[in-house]
Amino acid sequence: MRDFGRGWPDSFGFFSSSIQAERDNPYGVSKSLAENALREWAERTGAQVAIFRLKNVFGKWCRPNYNSVVATFCHNVARGLPILISDPAQTIELVYVDDVIFAFMDCLDRPPHRVSIEMFLHRSSFLWEI
């Protein structure tokens, strides 16, 4: 990646990250390092970067006990399996997979006009945090 985009200021980097990037676990650290590498690349080359920090995506193609708390919950309830709710008072924000795809397509159709833009998906819409 060090050489990619060098001399190509019209280059555009796109990264699907995770809210885990804020956590101190191996997955979160790897996401954070990748985000930082993209930001540095953008600053060095003048390229544009969109970083989507996804949170709690649900919908088609999600798999229980792998990538979706919603899929896991529905799978367990439908089969009479136990469910674990550690804090009944806690709410979680969800985003539907089609809304994620629409946000990705919109970003590809209209790339950011700044060196580094972070996009966070919240409640079926996304915010441009500049």
C-alpha atoms as a PDB file:
ATOM      1  CA  MET A   1       0.000   0.000   0.000  1.00  0.00           C
ATOM      2  CA  ARG A   2       3.010   2.237   0.501  1.00  0.00           C
ATOM      3  CA  ASP A   3       3.385   2.723  -3.263  1.00  0.00           C
ATOM      4  CA  PHE A   4      -0.246   2.382  -4.269  1.00  0.00           C
ATOM      5  CA  GLY A   5      -1.697   5.706  -5.328  1.00  0.00           C
ATOM      6  CA  ARG A   6       1.615   7.531  -5.381  1.00  0.00           C
ATOM      7  CA  GLY A   7       1.229  10.274  -7.962  1.00  0.00           C
ATOM      8  CA  TRP A   8      -2.477   9.496  -8.341  1.00  0.00           C
ATOM      9  CA  PRO A   9      -4.235  12.217  -6.369  1.00  0.00           C
ATOM     10  CA  ASP A  10      -7.558  11.078  -7.836  1.00  0.00           C
ATOM     11  CA  SER A  11      -7.189   7.672  -6.139  1.00  0.00           C
ATOM     12  CA  PHE A  12      -9.978   6.616  -3.847  1.00  0.00           C
ATOM     13  CA  GLY A  13      -9.643   4.173  -0.953  1.00  0.00           C
ATOM     14  CA  PHE A  14     -12.676   2.502   0.552  1.00  0.00           C
ATOM     15  CA  PHE A  15     -12.570   0.514   3.800  1.00  0.00           C
ATOM     16  CA  SER A  16     -15.234  -1.363   5.691  1.00  0.00           C
ATOM     17  CA  SER A  17     -14.228  -1.120   9.327  1.00  0.00           C
ATOM     18  CA  SER A  18     -16.017  -1.849  12.575  1.00  0.00           C
ATOM     19  CA  ILE A  19     -16.952  -0.143  15.810  1.00  0.00           C
ATOM     20  CA  GLN A  20     -14.567  -2.715  17.273  1.00  0.00           C
ATOM     21  CA  ALA A  21     -11.748  -0.391  16.110  1.00  0.00           C
ATOM     22  CA  GLU A  22     -12.254   1.436  19.405  1.00  0.00           C
ATOM     23  CA  ARG A  23     -11.650  -1.698  21.483  1.00  0.00           C
ATOM     24  CA  ASP A  24      -8.423  -3.128  22.812  1.00  0.00           C
ATOM     25  CA  ASN A  25      -8.739  -6.642  21.397  1.00  0.00           C
ATOM     26  CA  PRO A  26      -6.859  -8.217  18.468  1.00  0.00           C
ATOM     27  CA  TYR A  27      -9.678  -7.612  15.979  1.00  0.00           C
ATOM     28  CA  GLY A  28     -10.205  -4.021  17.113  1.00  0.00           C
ATOM     29  CA  VAL A  29      -6.492  -3.247  17.070  1.00  0.00           C
ATOM     30  CA  SER A  30      -6.194  -4.639  13.527  1.00  0.00           C
ATOM     31  CA  LYS A  31      -9.113  -2.491  12.331  1.00  0.00           C
ATOM     32  CA  SER A  32      -7.649   0.604  13.980  1.00  0.00           C
ATOM     33  CA  LEU A  33      -4.219  -0.025  12.443  1.00  0.00           C
ATOM     34  CA  ALA A  34      -5.777  -0.462   8.992  1.00  0.00           C
ATOM     35  CA  GLU A  35      -7.742   2.788   9.372  1.00  0.00           C
ATOM     36  CA  ASN A  36      -4.579   4.637  10.403  1.00  0.00           C
ATOM     37  CA  ALA A  37      -2.645   3.191   7.451  1.00  0.00           C
ATOM     38  CA  LEU A  38      -5.353   4.411   5.077  1.00  0.00           C
ATOM     39  CA  ARG A  39      -5.372   7.880   6.634  1.00  0.00           C
ATOM     40  CA  GLU A  40      -1.595   8.111   6.307  1.00  0.00           C
ATOM     41  CA  TRP A  41      -1.758   6.899   2.694  1.00  0.00           C
ATOM     42  CA  ALA A  42      -4.386   9.531   1.914  1.00  0.00           C
ATOM     43  CA  GLU A  43      -2.322  12.311   3.453  1.00  0.00           C
ATOM     44  CA  ARG A  44       0.842  11.174   1.689  1.00  0.00           C
ATOM     45  CA  THR A  45      -0.704  10.762  -1.771  1.00  0.00           C
ATOM     46  CA  GLY A  46      -3.543  13.288  -1.757  1.00  0.00           C
ATOM     47  CA  ALA A  47      -5.965  10.426  -2.348  1.00  0.00           C
ATOM     48  CA  GLN A  48      -9.438  10.298  -0.863  1.00  0.00           C
ATOM     49  CA  VAL A  49     -10.488   7.729   1.712  1.00  0.00           C
ATOM     50  CA  ALA A  50     -13.860   6.621   3.004  1.00  0.00           C
ATOM     51  CA  ILE A  51     -13.851   4.584   6.193  1.00  0.00           C
ATOM     52  CA  PHE A  52     -17.152   3.023   7.181  1.00  0.00           C
ATOM     53  CA  ARG A  53     -17.313   1.951  10.811  1.00  0.00           C
ATOM     54  CA  LEU A  54     -20.162  -0.516  10.763  1.00  0.00           C
ATOM     55  CA  LYS A  55     -22.159  -1.421  13.821  1.00  0.00           C
ATOM     56  CA  ASN A  56     -24.540  -4.321  14.304  1.00  0.00           C
ATOM     57  CA  VAL A  57     -25.401  -5.064  10.689  1.00  0.00           C
ATOM     58  CA  PHE A  58     -28.316  -7.442  10.248  1.00  0.00           C
ATOM     59  CA  GLY A  59     -30.293  -8.948   7.394  1.00  0.00           C
ATOM     60  CA  LYS A  60     -29.846 -11.458   4.619  1.00  0.00           C
ATOM     61  CA  TRP A  61     -26.621 -13.459   4.550  1.00  0.00           C
ATOM     62  CA  CYS A  62     -25.975 -12.912   8.248  1.00  0.00           C
ATOM     63  CA  ARG A  63     -25.064 -16.070  10.104  1.00  0.00           C
ATOM     64  CA  PRO A  64     -25.954 -17.038  13.658  1.00  0.00           C
ATOM     65  CA  ASN A  65     -23.087 -17.355  16.115  1.00  0.00           C
ATOM     66  CA  TYR A  66     -20.777 -15.694  13.617  1.00  0.00           C
ATOM     67  CA  ASN A  67     -21.492 -12.154  12.447  1.00  0.00           C
ATOM     68  CA  SER A  68     -24.875 -11.008  13.707  1.00  0.00           C
ATOM     69  CA  VAL A  69     -26.444 -10.781  17.132  1.00  0.00           C
ATOM     70  CA  VAL A  70     -29.855 -10.545  15.419  1.00  0.00           C
ATOM     71  CA  ALA A  71     -29.268 -13.730  13.405  1.00  0.00           C
ATOM     72  CA  THR A  72     -28.077 -15.514  16.550  1.00  0.00           C
ATOM     73  CA  PHE A  73     -31.080 -14.335  18.576  1.00  0.00           C
ATOM     74  CA  CYS A  74     -33.600 -15.345  15.870  1.00  0.00           C
ATOM     75  CA  HIS A  75     -31.875 -18.687  15.291  1.00  0.00           C
ATOM     76  CA  ASN A  76     -31.967 -19.558  18.977  1.00  0.00           C
ATOM     77  CA  VAL A  77     -35.541 -18.387  19.564  1.00  0.00           C
ATOM     78  CA  ALA A  78     -36.839 -20.306  16.514  1.00  0.00           C
ATOM     79  CA  ARG A  79     -35.175 -23.501  17.766  1.00  0.00           C
ATOM     80  CA  GLY A  80     -36.033 -23.135  21.434  1.00  0.00           C
ATOM     81  CA  LEU A  81     -32.374 -22.676  22.315  1.00  0.00           C
ATOM     82  CA  PRO A  82     -31.292 -20.501  25.224  1.00  0.00           C
ATOM     83  CA  ILE A  83     -30.644 -16.821  24.603  1.00  0.00           C
ATOM     84  CA  LEU A  84     -28.303 -14.656  26.599  1.00  0.00           C
ATOM     85  CA  ILE A  85     -29.217 -11.061  27.394  1.00  0.00           C
ATOM     86  CA  SER A  86     -26.528  -9.740  29.701  1.00  0.00           C
ATOM     87  CA  ASP A  87     -28.180  -6.355  30.324  1.00  0.00           C
ATOM     88  CA  PRO A  88     -31.936  -6.138  29.590  1.00  0.00           C
ATOM     89  CA  ALA A  89     -31.833  -2.336  29.978  1.00  0.00           C
ATOM     90  CA  GLN A  90     -29.191  -1.901  27.282  1.00  0.00           C
ATOM     91  CA  THR A  91     -30.233  -1.011  23.756  1.00  0.00           C
ATOM     92  CA  ILE A  92     -28.236  -1.649  20.618  1.00  0.00           C
ATOM     93  CA  GLU A  93     -28.267   0.302  17.394  1.00  0.00           C
ATOM     94  CA  LEU A  94     -28.832  -1.806  14.293  1.00  0.00           C
ATOM     95  CA  VAL A  95     -28.351  -1.140  10.620  1.00  0.00           C
ATOM     96  CA  TYR A  96     -29.927  -3.209   7.848  1.00  0.00           C
ATOM     97  CA  VAL A  97     -27.511  -4.680   5.323  1.00  0.00           C
ATOM     98  CA  ASP A  98     -29.313  -3.102   2.342  1.00  0.00           C
ATOM     99  CA  ASP A  99     -28.874   0.335   3.919  1.00  0.00           C
ATOM    100  CA  VAL A 100     -25.163  -0.381   4.234  1.00  0.00           C
ATOM    101  CA  ILE A 101     -24.997  -1.361   0.555  1.00  0.00           C
ATOM    102  CA  PHE A 102     -26.892   1.786  -0.491  1.00  0.00           C
ATOM    103  CA  ALA A 103     -24.481   3.924   1.547  1.00  0.00           C
ATOM    104  CA  PHE A 104     -21.507   2.155  -0.103  1.00  0.00           C
ATOM    105  CA  MET A 105     -22.961   2.705  -3.572  1.00  0.00           C
ATOM    106  CA  ASP A 106     -23.681   6.353  -2.815  1.00  0.00           C
ATOM    107  CA  CYS A 107     -20.106   6.826  -1.659  1.00  0.00           C
ATOM    108  CA  LEU A 108     -18.742   5.172  -4.802  1.00  0.00           C
ATOM    109  CA  ASP A 109     -20.970   7.363  -6.980  1.00  0.00           C
ATOM    110  CA  ARG A 110     -19.922  10.492  -5.087  1.00  0.00           C
ATOM    111  CA  PRO A 111     -16.518   9.939  -3.478  1.00  0.00           C
ATOM    112  CA  PRO A 112     -15.498  12.210  -0.634  1.00  0.00           C
ATOM    113  CA  HIS A 113     -13.846  15.491  -1.532  1.00  0.00           C
ATOM    114  CA  ARG A 114     -11.473  15.548   1.395  1.00  0.00           C
ATOM    115  CA  VAL A 115      -8.315  13.690   2.169  1.00  0.00           C
ATOM    116  CA  SER A 116      -9.951  11.574   4.858  1.00  0.00           C
ATOM    117  CA  ILE A 117     -13.607  11.245   5.671  1.00  0.00           C
ATOM    118  CA  GLU A 118     -14.985   8.877   8.261  1.00  0.00           C
ATOM    119  CA  MET A 119     -18.476   7.534   7.835  1.00  0.00           C
ATOM    120  CA  PHE A 120     -20.384   5.905  10.631  1.00  0.00           C
ATOM    121  CA  LEU A 121     -23.631   4.092   9.938  1.00  0.00           C
ATOM    122  CA  HIS A 122     -26.360   4.788  12.468  1.00  0.00           C
ATOM    123  CA  ARG A 123     -29.957   3.680  12.364  1.00  0.00           C
ATOM    124  CA  SER A 124     -30.311   3.094   8.640  1.00  0.00           C
ATOM    125  CA  SER A 125     -28.599   6.291   7.616  1.00  0.00           C
ATOM    126  CA  PHE A 126     -25.065   7.491   7.660  1.00  0.00           C
ATOM    127  CA  LEU A 127     -23.404  10.604   8.960  1.00  0.00           C
ATOM    128  CA  TRP A 128     -20.422  12.288   7.352  1.00  0.00           C
ATOM    129  CA  GLU A 129     -18.110  13.140  10.209  1.00  0.00           C
ATOM    130  CA  ILE A 130     -15.526  15.661   8.976  1.00  0.00           C
END
